[in-house]
Amino acid sequence: MHELPITESILKVVLKHAEKNGVRQVNLIRMGVGMLSELEDEWLQNYFDYLSKGTVAEGAKLVIDRLPAKVRCNACSNTYEAQTAKIAELKCPECGEKAGTLISGREYTIKEMEVQ
């Protein structure tokens, strides 16, 4: 159910930019969503469809690109992609250190909008 407040935030940003730029209709919103965010594509679209009724974003399709989880090694500062299925078994490919800091993988961003 955490998709609802996030979808509300996304719609607010879309509507703000649409108004600022004199957009008549938003057709598509391309987003980046981190692999570890636990946001479900289908629920995001369903909530967006519901919340955007009567706005310039009504009927817009969300296209969601999944972004990899990235970790910075605590020992050597190497940054590497973590496989989400093996997140508990993280090991730096450079030095073998198991301790790392998650630097991305839970975020969501609006990358672009297709408008009329």
PDB file of N, CA and C in Angstrom:
ATOM      1  N   MET A   1       0.810  -1.190   0.000  1.00  0.00           N
ATOM      2  CA  MET A   1       0.000   0.000   0.000  1.00  0.00           C
ATOM      3  C   MET A   1       0.862   1.266   0.000  1.00  0.00           C
ATOM      4  N   HIS A   2       2.166   1.137   0.140  1.00  0.00           N
ATOM      5  CA  HIS A   2       3.034   2.312   0.136  1.00  0.00           C
ATOM      6  C   HIS A   2       3.140   2.942  -1.244  1.00  0.00           C
ATOM      7  N   GLU A   3       2.582   2.303  -2.274  1.00  0.00           N
ATOM      8  CA  GLU A   3       2.577   2.884  -3.607  1.00  0.00           C
ATOM      9  C   GLU A   3       1.689   4.123  -3.679  1.00  0.00           C
ATOM     10  N   LEU A   4       0.616   4.180  -2.878  1.00  0.00           N
ATOM     11  CA  LEU A   4      -0.326   5.301  -2.960  1.00  0.00           C
ATOM     12  C   LEU A   4       0.337   6.648  -2.655  1.00  0.00           C
ATOM     13  N   PRO A   5       0.995   6.832  -1.504  1.00  0.00           N
ATOM     14  CA  PRO A   5       1.606   8.141  -1.245  1.00  0.00           C
ATOM     15  C   PRO A   5       2.733   8.464  -2.233  1.00  0.00           C
ATOM     16  N   ILE A   6       3.436   7.462  -2.693  1.00  0.00           N
ATOM     17  CA  ILE A   6       4.496   7.697  -3.674  1.00  0.00           C
ATOM     18  C   ILE A   6       3.893   8.134  -5.000  1.00  0.00           C
ATOM     19  N   THR A   7       2.800   7.489  -5.395  1.00  0.00           N
ATOM     20  CA  THR A   7       2.127   7.861  -6.633  1.00  0.00           C
ATOM     21  C   THR A   7       1.568   9.274  -6.540  1.00  0.00           C
ATOM     22  N   GLU A   8       1.054   9.652  -5.379  1.00  0.00           N
ATOM     23  CA  GLU A   8       0.587  11.030  -5.175  1.00  0.00           C
ATOM     24  C   GLU A   8       1.728  12.018  -5.386  1.00  0.00           C
ATOM     25  N   SER A   9       2.902  11.701  -4.873  1.00  0.00           N
ATOM     26  CA  SER A   9       4.072  12.563  -5.048  1.00  0.00           C
ATOM     27  C   SER A   9       4.474  12.669  -6.518  1.00  0.00           C
ATOM     28  N   ILE A  10       4.451  11.544  -7.201  1.00  0.00           N
ATOM     29  CA  ILE A  10       4.799  11.533  -8.626  1.00  0.00           C
ATOM     30  C   ILE A  10       3.825  12.414  -9.399  1.00  0.00           C
ATOM     31  N   LEU A  11       2.536  12.263  -9.148  1.00  0.00           N
ATOM     32  CA  LEU A  11       1.530  13.058  -9.846  1.00  0.00           C
ATOM     33  C   LEU A  11       1.710  14.546  -9.563  1.00  0.00           C
ATOM     34  N   LYS A  12       2.010  14.917  -8.338  1.00  0.00           N
ATOM     35  CA  LYS A  12       2.232  16.331  -8.004  1.00  0.00           C
ATOM     36  C   LYS A  12       3.373  16.921  -8.823  1.00  0.00           C
ATOM     37  N   VAL A  13       4.460  16.171  -8.948  1.00  0.00           N
ATOM     38  CA  VAL A  13       5.608  16.637  -9.730  1.00  0.00           C
ATOM     39  C   VAL A  13       5.222  16.776 -11.202  1.00  0.00           C
ATOM     40  N   VAL A  14       4.532  15.774 -11.733  1.00  0.00           N
ATOM     41  CA  VAL A  14       4.118  15.795 -13.133  1.00  0.00           C
ATOM     42  C   VAL A  14       3.211  16.996 -13.394  1.00  0.00           C
ATOM     43  N   LEU A  15       2.217  17.214 -12.541  1.00  0.00           N
ATOM     44  CA  LEU A  15       1.285  18.322 -12.737  1.00  0.00           C
ATOM     45  C   LEU A  15       1.970  19.678 -12.605  1.00  0.00           C
ATOM     46  N   LYS A  16       2.905  19.781 -11.685  1.00  0.00           N
ATOM     47  CA  LYS A  16       3.655  21.033 -11.508  1.00  0.00           C
ATOM     48  C   LYS A  16       4.421  21.374 -12.779  1.00  0.00           C
ATOM     49  N   HIS A  17       5.126  20.388 -13.335  1.00  0.00           N
ATOM     50  CA  HIS A  17       5.905  20.634 -14.551  1.00  0.00           C
ATOM     51  C   HIS A  17       5.013  20.865 -15.762  1.00  0.00           C
ATOM     52  N   ALA A  18       3.886  20.169 -15.802  1.00  0.00           N
ATOM     53  CA  ALA A  18       2.941  20.356 -16.906  1.00  0.00           C
ATOM     54  C   ALA A  18       2.390  21.781 -16.888  1.00  0.00           C
ATOM     55  N   GLU A  19       2.001  22.258 -15.723  1.00  0.00           N
ATOM     56  CA  GLU A  19       1.460  23.618 -15.614  1.00  0.00           C
ATOM     57  C   GLU A  19       2.514  24.661 -15.969  1.00  0.00           C
ATOM     58  N   LYS A  20       3.707  24.461 -15.447  1.00  0.00           N
ATOM     59  CA  LYS A  20       4.814  25.400 -15.680  1.00  0.00           C
ATOM     60  C   LYS A  20       5.139  25.532 -17.166  1.00  0.00           C
ATOM     61  N   ASN A  21       4.943  24.434 -17.924  1.00  0.00           N
ATOM     62  CA  ASN A  21       5.318  24.416 -19.338  1.00  0.00           C
ATOM     63  C   ASN A  21       4.130  24.457 -20.293  1.00  0.00           C
ATOM     64  N   GLY A  22       2.942  24.741 -19.793  1.00  0.00           N
ATOM     65  CA  GLY A  22       1.771  24.873 -20.642  1.00  0.00           C
ATOM     66  C   GLY A  22       1.375  23.602 -21.374  1.00  0.00           C
ATOM     67  N   VAL A  23       1.543  22.472 -20.724  1.00  0.00           N
ATOM     68  CA  VAL A  23       1.242  21.170 -21.331  1.00  0.00           C
ATOM     69  C   VAL A  23      -0.270  20.955 -21.359  1.00  0.00           C
ATOM     70  N   ARG A  24      -0.776  20.471 -22.493  1.00  0.00           N
ATOM     71  CA  ARG A  24      -2.203  20.165 -22.635  1.00  0.00           C
ATOM     72  C   ARG A  24      -2.521  18.741 -22.211  1.00  0.00           C
ATOM     73  N   GLN A  25      -1.575  17.813 -22.476  1.00  0.00           N
ATOM     74  CA  GLN A  25      -1.810  16.395 -22.163  1.00  0.00           C
ATOM     75  C   GLN A  25      -0.479  15.700 -21.915  1.00  0.00           C
ATOM     76  N   VAL A  26      -0.406  14.929 -20.847  1.00  0.00           N
ATOM     77  CA  VAL A  26       0.756  14.077 -20.571  1.00  0.00           C
ATOM     78  C   VAL A  26       0.403  12.681 -21.068  1.00  0.00           C
ATOM     79  N   ASN A  27       1.208  12.153 -21.979  1.00  0.00           N
ATOM     80  CA  ASN A  27       0.926  10.845 -22.564  1.00  0.00           C
ATOM     81  C   ASN A  27       1.708   9.713 -21.911  1.00  0.00           C
ATOM     82  N   LEU A  28       2.937   9.997 -21.515  1.00  0.00           N
ATOM     83  CA  LEU A  28       3.814   8.953 -20.994  1.00  0.00           C
ATOM     84  C   LEU A  28       4.765   9.547 -19.972  1.00  0.00           C
ATOM     85  N   ILE A  29       5.028   8.779 -18.937  1.00  0.00           N
ATOM     86  CA  ILE A  29       5.987   9.178 -17.909  1.00  0.00           C
ATOM     87  C   ILE A  29       6.975   8.040 -17.752  1.00  0.00           C
ATOM     88  N   ARG A  30       8.240   8.306 -18.074  1.00  0.00           N
ATOM     89  CA  ARG A  30       9.289   7.295 -17.920  1.00  0.00           C
ATOM     90  C   ARG A  30       9.955   7.522 -16.572  1.00  0.00           C
ATOM     91  N   MET A  31      10.003   6.435 -15.799  1.00  0.00           N
ATOM     92  CA  MET A  31      10.557   6.512 -14.457  1.00  0.00           C
ATOM     93  C   MET A  31      11.693   5.509 -14.269  1.00  0.00           C
ATOM     94  N   GLY A  32      12.566   5.824 -13.350  1.00  0.00           N
ATOM     95  CA  GLY A  32      13.576   4.890 -12.882  1.00  0.00           C
ATOM     96  C   GLY A  32      13.201   4.494 -11.466  1.00  0.00           C
ATOM     97  N   VAL A  33      13.119   3.197 -11.208  1.00  0.00           N
ATOM     98  CA  VAL A  33      12.755   2.693  -9.880  1.00  0.00           C
ATOM     99  C   VAL A  33      13.795   1.665  -9.454  1.00  0.00           C
ATOM    100  N   GLY A  34      14.375   1.864  -8.298  1.00  0.00           N
ATOM    101  CA  GLY A  34      15.406   0.965  -7.789  1.00  0.00           C
ATOM    102  C   GLY A  34      14.894  -0.450  -7.557  1.00  0.00           C
ATOM    103  N   MET A  35      15.748  -1.410  -7.827  1.00  0.00           N
ATOM    104  CA  MET A  35      15.399  -2.831  -7.690  1.00  0.00           C
ATOM    105  C   MET A  35      14.962  -3.200  -6.274  1.00  0.00           C
ATOM    106  N   LEU A  36      15.447  -2.487  -5.287  1.00  0.00           N
ATOM    107  CA  LEU A  36      15.131  -2.821  -3.894  1.00  0.00           C
ATOM    108  C   LEU A  36      13.973  -2.001  -3.326  1.00  0.00           C
ATOM    109  N   SER A  37      13.330  -1.195  -4.147  1.00  0.00           N
ATOM    110  CA  SER A  37      12.290  -0.289  -3.648  1.00  0.00           C
ATOM    111  C   SER A  37      11.004  -0.998  -3.251  1.00  0.00           C
ATOM    112  N   GLU A  38      10.758  -2.183  -3.742  1.00  0.00           N
ATOM    113  CA  GLU A  38       9.549  -2.957  -3.476  1.00  0.00           C
ATOM    114  C   GLU A  38       8.288  -2.314  -4.045  1.00  0.00           C
ATOM    115  N   LEU A  39       8.439  -1.328  -4.920  1.00  0.00           N
ATOM    116  CA  LEU A  39       7.287  -0.733  -5.585  1.00  0.00           C
ATOM    117  C   LEU A  39       6.868  -1.636  -6.733  1.00  0.00           C
ATOM    118  N   GLU A  40       5.580  -1.906  -6.818  1.00  0.00           N
ATOM    119  CA  GLU A  40       5.038  -2.779  -7.856  1.00  0.00           C
ATOM    120  C   GLU A  40       4.539  -1.937  -9.027  1.00  0.00           C
ATOM    121  N   ASP A  41       5.025  -2.245 -10.227  1.00  0.00           N
ATOM    122  CA  ASP A  41       4.664  -1.495 -11.429  1.00  0.00           C
ATOM    123  C   ASP A  41       3.153  -1.399 -11.611  1.00  0.00           C
ATOM    124  N   GLU A  42       2.470  -2.517 -11.464  1.00  0.00           N
ATOM    125  CA  GLU A  42       1.028  -2.563 -11.687  1.00  0.00           C
ATOM    126  C   GLU A  42       0.275  -1.658 -10.708  1.00  0.00           C
ATOM    127  N   TRP A  43       0.679  -1.666  -9.441  1.00  0.00           N
ATOM    128  CA  TRP A  43       0.015  -0.836  -8.446  1.00  0.00           C
ATOM    129  C   TRP A  43       0.298   0.632  -8.694  1.00  0.00           C
ATOM    130  N   LEU A  44       1.527   0.963  -9.086  1.00  0.00           N
ATOM    131  CA  LEU A  44       1.833   2.354  -9.409  1.00  0.00           C
ATOM    132  C   LEU A  44       0.924   2.852 -10.525  1.00  0.00           C
ATOM    133  N   GLN A  45       0.766   2.051 -11.575  1.00  0.00           N
ATOM    134  CA  GLN A  45      -0.083   2.451 -12.697  1.00  0.00           C
ATOM    135  C   GLN A  45      -1.542   2.553 -12.268  1.00  0.00           C
ATOM    136  N   ASN A  46      -2.025   1.579 -11.501  1.00  0.00           N
ATOM    137  CA  ASN A  46      -3.414   1.609 -11.048  1.00  0.00           C
ATOM    138  C   ASN A  46      -3.713   2.853 -10.208  1.00  0.00           C
ATOM    139  N   TYR A  47      -2.843   3.148  -9.258  1.00  0.00           N
ATOM    140  CA  TYR A  47      -3.039   4.337  -8.427  1.00  0.00           C
ATOM    141  C   TYR A  47      -2.916   5.612  -9.265  1.00  0.00           C
ATOM    142  N   PHE A  48      -1.969   5.620 -10.194  1.00  0.00           N
ATOM    143  CA  PHE A  48      -1.807   6.792 -11.045  1.00  0.00           C
ATOM    144  C   PHE A  48      -3.070   7.030 -11.872  1.00  0.00           C
ATOM    145  N   ASP A  49      -3.625   5.967 -12.435  1.00  0.00           N
ATOM    146  CA  ASP A  49      -4.863   6.084 -13.221  1.00  0.00           C
ATOM    147  C   ASP A  49      -5.983   6.678 -12.374  1.00  0.00           C
ATOM    148  N   TYR A  50      -6.105   6.216 -11.154  1.00  0.00           N
ATOM    149  CA  TYR A  50      -7.158   6.695 -10.255  1.00  0.00           C
ATOM    150  C   TYR A  50      -6.935   8.165  -9.869  1.00  0.00           C
ATOM    151  N   LEU A  51      -5.720   8.479  -9.441  1.00  0.00           N
ATOM    152  CA  LEU A  51      -5.429   9.819  -8.935  1.00  0.00           C
ATOM    153  C   LEU A  51      -5.404  10.890 -10.022  1.00  0.00           C
ATOM    154  N   SER A  52      -5.073  10.516 -11.250  1.00  0.00           N
ATOM    155  CA  SER A  52      -4.906  11.500 -12.319  1.00  0.00           C
ATOM    156  C   SER A  52      -6.203  11.831 -13.058  1.00  0.00           C
ATOM    157  N   LYS A  53      -7.300  11.197 -12.693  1.00  0.00           N
ATOM    158  CA  LYS A  53      -8.588  11.483 -13.363  1.00  0.00           C
ATOM    159  C   LYS A  53      -8.912  12.968 -13.271  1.00  0.00           C
ATOM    160  N   GLY A  54      -9.292  13.523 -14.426  1.00  0.00           N
ATOM    161  CA  GLY A  54      -9.654  14.929 -14.480  1.00  0.00           C
ATOM    162  C   GLY A  54      -8.483  15.887 -14.570  1.00  0.00           C
ATOM    163  N   THR A  55      -7.263  15.364 -14.722  1.00  0.00           N
ATOM    164  CA  THR A  55      -6.071  16.208 -14.849  1.00  0.00           C
ATOM    165  C   THR A  55      -5.471  16.033 -16.241  1.00  0.00           C
ATOM    166  N   VAL A  56      -4.456  16.833 -16.566  1.00  0.00           N
ATOM    167  CA  VAL A  56      -3.772  16.699 -17.861  1.00  0.00           C
ATOM    168  C   VAL A  56      -2.979  15.395 -17.947  1.00  0.00           C
ATOM    169  N   ALA A  57      -2.832  14.705 -16.828  1.00  0.00           N
ATOM    170  CA  ALA A  57      -2.098  13.432 -16.818  1.00  0.00           C
ATOM    171  C   ALA A  57      -3.025  12.226 -16.929  1.00  0.00           C
ATOM    172  N   GLU A  58      -4.329  12.464 -17.021  1.00  0.00           N
ATOM    173  CA  GLU A  58      -5.267  11.346 -17.134  1.00  0.00           C
ATOM    174  C   GLU A  58      -4.950  10.525 -18.380  1.00  0.00           C
ATOM    175  N   GLY A  59      -4.853   9.221 -18.215  1.00  0.00           N
ATOM    176  CA  GLY A  59      -4.565   8.308 -19.323  1.00  0.00           C
ATOM    177  C   GLY A  59      -3.082   8.112 -19.610  1.00  0.00           C
ATOM    178  N   ALA A  60      -2.219   8.805 -18.891  1.00  0.00           N
ATOM    179  CA  ALA A  60      -0.780   8.668 -19.125  1.00  0.00           C
ATOM    180  C   ALA A  60      -0.302   7.279 -18.714  1.00  0.00           C
ATOM    181  N   LYS A  61       0.616   6.753 -19.481  1.00  0.00           N
ATOM    182  CA  LYS A  61       1.199   5.437 -19.198  1.00  0.00           C
ATOM    183  C   LYS A  61       2.509   5.639 -18.450  1.00  0.00           C
ATOM    184  N   LEU A  62       2.698   4.858 -17.401  1.00  0.00           N
ATOM    185  CA  LEU A  62       3.976   4.852 -16.689  1.00  0.00           C
ATOM    186  C   LEU A  62       4.862   3.769 -17.295  1.00  0.00           C
ATOM    187  N   VAL A  63       6.047   4.153 -17.714  1.00  0.00           N
ATOM    188  CA  VAL A  63       7.032   3.195 -18.195  1.00  0.00           C
ATOM    189  C   VAL A  63       8.127   3.159 -17.134  1.00  0.00           C
ATOM    190  N   ILE A  64       8.321   1.991 -16.552  1.00  0.00           N
ATOM    191  CA  ILE A  64       9.227   1.882 -15.414  1.00  0.00           C
ATOM    192  C   ILE A  64      10.463   1.080 -15.779  1.00  0.00           C
ATOM    193  N   ASP A  65      11.614   1.735 -15.661  1.00  0.00           N
ATOM    194  CA  ASP A  65      12.904   1.088 -15.868  1.00  0.00           C
ATOM    195  C   ASP A  65      13.464   0.766 -14.491  1.00  0.00           C
ATOM    196  N   ARG A  66      13.801  -0.486 -14.267  1.00  0.00           N
ATOM    197  CA  ARG A  66      14.358  -0.894 -12.977  1.00  0.00           C
ATOM    198  C   ARG A  66      15.841  -0.540 -12.925  1.00  0.00           C
ATOM    199  N   LEU A  67      16.239   0.137 -11.862  1.00  0.00           N
ATOM    200  CA  LEU A  67      17.624   0.558 -11.674  1.00  0.00           C
ATOM    201  C   LEU A  67      18.331  -0.426 -10.746  1.00  0.00           C
ATOM    202  N   PRO A  68      19.577  -0.749 -11.059  1.00  0.00           N
ATOM    203  CA  PRO A  68      20.297  -1.724 -10.230  1.00  0.00           C
ATOM    204  C   PRO A  68      20.639  -1.176  -8.848  1.00  0.00           C
ATOM    205  N   ALA A  69      20.793  -2.083  -7.926  1.00  0.00           N
ATOM    206  CA  ALA A  69      21.275  -1.723  -6.586  1.00  0.00           C
ATOM    207  C   ALA A  69      22.787  -1.562  -6.672  1.00  0.00           C
ATOM    208  N   LYS A  70      23.304  -0.475  -6.117  1.00  0.00           N
ATOM    209  CA  LYS A  70      24.746  -0.224  -6.128  1.00  0.00           C
ATOM    210  C   LYS A  70      25.245  -0.095  -4.696  1.00  0.00           C
ATOM    211  N   VAL A  71      26.429  -0.633  -4.489  1.00  0.00           N
ATOM    212  CA  VAL A  71      27.045  -0.669  -3.161  1.00  0.00           C
ATOM    213  C   VAL A  71      28.444  -0.085  -3.252  1.00  0.00           C
ATOM    214  N   ARG A  72      28.840   0.665  -2.217  1.00  0.00           N
ATOM    215  CA  ARG A  72      30.213   1.158  -2.118  1.00  0.00           C
ATOM    216  C   ARG A  72      30.905   0.369  -1.021  1.00  0.00           C
ATOM    217  N   CYS A  73      32.014  -0.245  -1.362  1.00  0.00           N
ATOM    218  CA  CYS A  73      32.786  -1.044  -0.409  1.00  0.00           C
ATOM    219  C   CYS A  73      33.311  -0.148   0.703  1.00  0.00           C
ATOM    220  N   ASN A  74      33.146  -0.597   1.944  1.00  0.00           N
ATOM    221  CA  ASN A  74      33.632   0.168   3.091  1.00  0.00           C
ATOM    222  C   ASN A  74      35.149   0.129   3.226  1.00  0.00           C
ATOM    223  N   ALA A  75      35.779  -0.861   2.608  1.00  0.00           N
ATOM    224  CA  ALA A  75      37.239  -0.992   2.732  1.00  0.00           C
ATOM    225  C   ALA A  75      37.991  -0.240   1.633  1.00  0.00           C
ATOM    226  N   CYS A  76      37.590  -0.445   0.373  1.00  0.00           N
ATOM    227  CA  CYS A  76      38.366   0.128  -0.735  1.00  0.00           C
ATOM    228  C   CYS A  76      37.617   1.194  -1.535  1.00  0.00           C
ATOM    229  N   SER A  77      36.374   1.472  -1.176  1.00  0.00           N
ATOM    230  CA  SER A  77      35.521   2.475  -1.827  1.00  0.00           C
ATOM    231  C   SER A  77      35.123   2.138  -3.259  1.00  0.00           C
ATOM    232  N   ASN A  78      35.359   0.906  -3.670  1.00  0.00           N
ATOM    233  CA  ASN A  78      34.908   0.466  -4.990  1.00  0.00           C
ATOM    234  C   ASN A  78      33.377   0.469  -5.016  1.00  0.00           C
ATOM    235  N   THR A  79      32.802   0.922  -6.127  1.00  0.00           N
ATOM    236  CA  THR A  79      31.353   0.887  -6.299  1.00  0.00           C
ATOM    237  C   THR A  79      31.018  -0.234  -7.262  1.00  0.00           C
ATOM    238  N   TYR A  80      30.035  -1.055  -6.873  1.00  0.00           N
ATOM    239  CA  TYR A  80      29.660  -2.193  -7.716  1.00  0.00           C
ATOM    240  C   TYR A  80      28.174  -2.467  -7.619  1.00  0.00           C
ATOM    241  N   GLU A  81      27.639  -3.142  -8.648  1.00  0.00           N
ATOM    242  CA  GLU A  81      26.234  -3.526  -8.653  1.00  0.00           C
ATOM    243  C   GLU A  81      26.048  -4.779  -7.812  1.00  0.00           C
ATOM    244  N   ALA A  82      25.014  -4.749  -6.992  1.00  0.00           N
ATOM    245  CA  ALA A  82      24.699  -5.904  -6.153  1.00  0.00           C
ATOM    246  C   ALA A  82      23.543  -6.663  -6.790  1.00  0.00           C
ATOM    247  N   GLN A  83      23.663  -7.961  -6.829  1.00  0.00           N
ATOM    248  CA  GLN A  83      22.560  -8.790  -7.308  1.00  0.00           C
ATOM    249  C   GLN A  83      21.548  -8.897  -6.185  1.00  0.00           C
ATOM    250  N   THR A  84      20.312  -8.481  -6.439  1.00  0.00           N
ATOM    251  CA  THR A  84      19.318  -8.421  -5.377  1.00  0.00           C
ATOM    252  C   THR A  84      19.047  -9.777  -4.741  1.00  0.00           C
ATOM    253  N   ALA A  85      19.159 -10.835  -5.508  1.00  0.00           N
ATOM    254  CA  ALA A  85      18.923 -12.167  -4.950  1.00  0.00           C
ATOM    255  C   ALA A  85      20.017 -12.557  -3.962  1.00  0.00           C
ATOM    256  N   LYS A  86      21.170 -11.921  -4.059  1.00  0.00           N
ATOM    257  CA  LYS A  86      22.304 -12.274  -3.206  1.00  0.00           C
ATOM    258  C   LYS A  86      22.712 -11.116  -2.296  1.00  0.00           C
ATOM    259  N   ILE A  87      21.797 -10.232  -1.972  1.00  0.00           N
ATOM    260  CA  ILE A  87      22.134  -9.042  -1.197  1.00  0.00           C
ATOM    261  C   ILE A  87      22.736  -9.395   0.169  1.00  0.00           C
ATOM    262  N   ALA A  88      22.326 -10.502   0.749  1.00  0.00           N
ATOM    263  CA  ALA A  88      22.859 -10.913   2.054  1.00  0.00           C
ATOM    264  C   ALA A  88      24.278 -11.465   1.938  1.00  0.00           C
ATOM    265  N   GLU A  89      24.694 -11.801   0.733  1.00  0.00           N
ATOM    266  CA  GLU A  89      26.022 -12.383   0.518  1.00  0.00           C
ATOM    267  C   GLU A  89      26.954 -11.412  -0.204  1.00  0.00           C
ATOM    268  N   LEU A  90      26.774 -10.123   0.007  1.00  0.00           N
ATOM    269  CA  LEU A  90      27.599  -9.128  -0.676  1.00  0.00           C
ATOM    270  C   LEU A  90      29.077  -9.316  -0.402  1.00  0.00           C
ATOM    271  N   LYS A  91      29.856  -9.127  -1.453  1.00  0.00           N
ATOM    272  CA  LYS A  91      31.313  -9.207  -1.334  1.00  0.00           C
ATOM    273  C   LYS A  91      31.892  -8.339  -2.439  1.00  0.00           C
ATOM    274  N   CYS A  92      32.763  -7.431  -2.083  1.00  0.00           N
ATOM    275  CA  CYS A  92      33.367  -6.532  -3.059  1.00  0.00           C
ATOM    276  C   CYS A  92      34.170  -7.337  -4.086  1.00  0.00           C
ATOM    277  N   PRO A  93      33.926  -7.113  -5.367  1.00  0.00           N
ATOM    278  CA  PRO A  93      34.676  -7.839  -6.400  1.00  0.00           C
ATOM    279  C   PRO A  93      36.144  -7.425  -6.481  1.00  0.00           C
ATOM    280  N   GLU A  94      36.489  -6.262  -5.914  1.00  0.00           N
ATOM    281  CA  GLU A  94      37.877  -5.778  -5.943  1.00  0.00           C
ATOM    282  C   GLU A  94      38.722  -6.340  -4.809  1.00  0.00           C
ATOM    283  N   CYS A  95      38.191  -6.253  -3.568  1.00  0.00           N
ATOM    284  CA  CYS A  95      39.016  -6.624  -2.409  1.00  0.00           C
ATOM    285  C   CYS A  95      38.444  -7.774  -1.583  1.00  0.00           C
ATOM    286  N   GLY A  96      37.210  -8.172  -1.860  1.00  0.00           N
ATOM    287  CA  GLY A  96      36.602  -9.277  -1.132  1.00  0.00           C
ATOM    288  C   GLY A  96      35.922  -8.896   0.175  1.00  0.00           C
ATOM    289  N   GLU A  97      35.960  -7.616   0.539  1.00  0.00           N
ATOM    290  CA  GLU A  97      35.330  -7.139   1.770  1.00  0.00           C
ATOM    291  C   GLU A  97      33.817  -7.376   1.720  1.00  0.00           C
ATOM    292  N   LYS A  98      33.253  -7.811   2.845  1.00  0.00           N
ATOM    293  CA  LYS A  98      31.815  -8.076   2.902  1.00  0.00           C
ATOM    294  C   LYS A  98      31.010  -6.865   3.345  1.00  0.00           C
ATOM    295  N   ALA A  99      31.640  -5.892   3.983  1.00  0.00           N
ATOM    296  CA  ALA A  99      30.924  -4.709   4.461  1.00  0.00           C
ATOM    297  C   ALA A  99      30.849  -3.666   3.350  1.00  0.00           C
ATOM    298  N   GLY A 100      29.634  -3.169   3.127  1.00  0.00           N
ATOM    299  CA  GLY A 100      29.436  -2.145   2.113  1.00  0.00           C
ATOM    300  C   GLY A 100      28.262  -1.263   2.478  1.00  0.00           C
ATOM    301  N   THR A 101      28.163  -0.144   1.793  1.00  0.00           N
ATOM    302  CA  THR A 101      27.089   0.805   2.017  1.00  0.00           C
ATOM    303  C   THR A 101      26.233   0.902   0.763  1.00  0.00           C
ATOM    304  N   LEU A 102      24.951   0.712   0.918  1.00  0.00           N
ATOM    305  CA  LEU A 102      24.029   0.819  -0.200  1.00  0.00           C
ATOM    306  C   LEU A 102      23.961   2.282  -0.636  1.00  0.00           C
ATOM    307  N   ILE A 103      24.255   2.564  -1.912  1.00  0.00           N
ATOM    308  CA  ILE A 103      24.208   3.947  -2.397  1.00  0.00           C
ATOM    309  C   ILE A 103      23.060   4.181  -3.372  1.00  0.00           C
ATOM    310  N   SER A 104      22.491   3.124  -3.914  1.00  0.00           N
ATOM    311  CA  SER A 104      21.288   3.262  -4.738  1.00  0.00           C
ATOM    312  C   SER A 104      20.601   1.910  -4.836  1.00  0.00           C
ATOM    313  N   GLY A 105      19.315   1.964  -5.180  1.00  0.00           N
ATOM    314  CA  GLY A 105      18.551   0.737  -5.307  1.00  0.00           C
ATOM    315  C   GLY A 105      17.158   0.845  -4.715  1.00  0.00           C
ATOM    316  N   ARG A 106      16.913   1.910  -3.940  1.00  0.00           N
ATOM    317  CA  ARG A 106      15.595   2.113  -3.334  1.00  0.00           C
ATOM    318  C   ARG A 106      14.901   3.371  -3.876  1.00  0.00           C
ATOM    319  N   GLU A 107      15.551   4.078  -4.777  1.00  0.00           N
ATOM    320  CA  GLU A 107      15.046   5.355  -5.247  1.00  0.00           C
ATOM    321  C   GLU A 107      13.964   5.211  -6.321  1.00  0.00           C
ATOM    322  N   TYR A 108      13.277   6.304  -6.556  1.00  0.00           N
ATOM    323  CA  TYR A 108      12.380   6.414  -7.704  1.00  0.00           C
ATOM    324  C   TYR A 108      12.516   7.831  -8.245  1.00  0.00           C
ATOM    325  N   THR A 109      12.632   7.955  -9.561  1.00  0.00           N
ATOM    326  CA  THR A 109      12.808   9.242 -10.195  1.00  0.00           C
ATOM    327  C   THR A 109      11.973   9.316 -11.473  1.00  0.00           C
ATOM    328  N   ILE A 110      11.553  10.511 -11.805  1.00  0.00           N
ATOM    329  CA  ILE A 110      10.914  10.741 -13.088  1.00  0.00           C
ATOM    330  C   ILE A 110      12.029  11.133 -14.049  1.00  0.00           C
ATOM    331  N   LYS A 111      12.209  10.344 -15.097  1.00  0.00           N
ATOM    332  CA  LYS A 111      13.269  10.602 -16.056  1.00  0.00           C
ATOM    333  C   LYS A 111      12.821  11.552 -17.165  1.00  0.00           C
ATOM    334  N   GLU A 112      11.614  11.306 -17.705  1.00  0.00           N
ATOM    335  CA  GLU A 112      11.114  12.158 -18.776  1.00  0.00           C
ATOM    336  C   GLU A 112       9.611  11.993 -18.923  1.00  0.00           C
ATOM    337  N   MET A 113       9.012  12.956 -19.615  1.00  0.00           N
ATOM    338  CA  MET A 113       7.586  12.901 -19.887  1.00  0.00           C
ATOM    339  C   MET A 113       7.370  13.179 -21.374  1.00  0.00           C
ATOM    340  N   GLU A 114       6.450  12.432 -21.977  1.00  0.00           N
ATOM    341  CA  GLU A 114       6.026  12.730 -23.340  1.00  0.00           C
ATOM    342  C   GLU A 114       4.706  13.462 -23.226  1.00  0.00           C
ATOM    343  N   VAL A 115       4.640  14.640 -23.837  1.00  0.00           N
ATOM    344  CA  VAL A 115       3.483  15.514 -23.666  1.00  0.00           C
ATOM    345  C   VAL A 115       3.006  16.075 -25.016  1.00  0.00           C
ATOM    346  N   GLN A 116       1.844  16.706 -24.956  1.00  0.00           N
ATOM    347  CA  GLN A 116       1.301  17.433 -26.119  1.00  0.00           C
ATOM    348  C   GLN A 116       1.114  18.873 -25.710  1.00  0.00           C
TER     349      GLN A 116
END
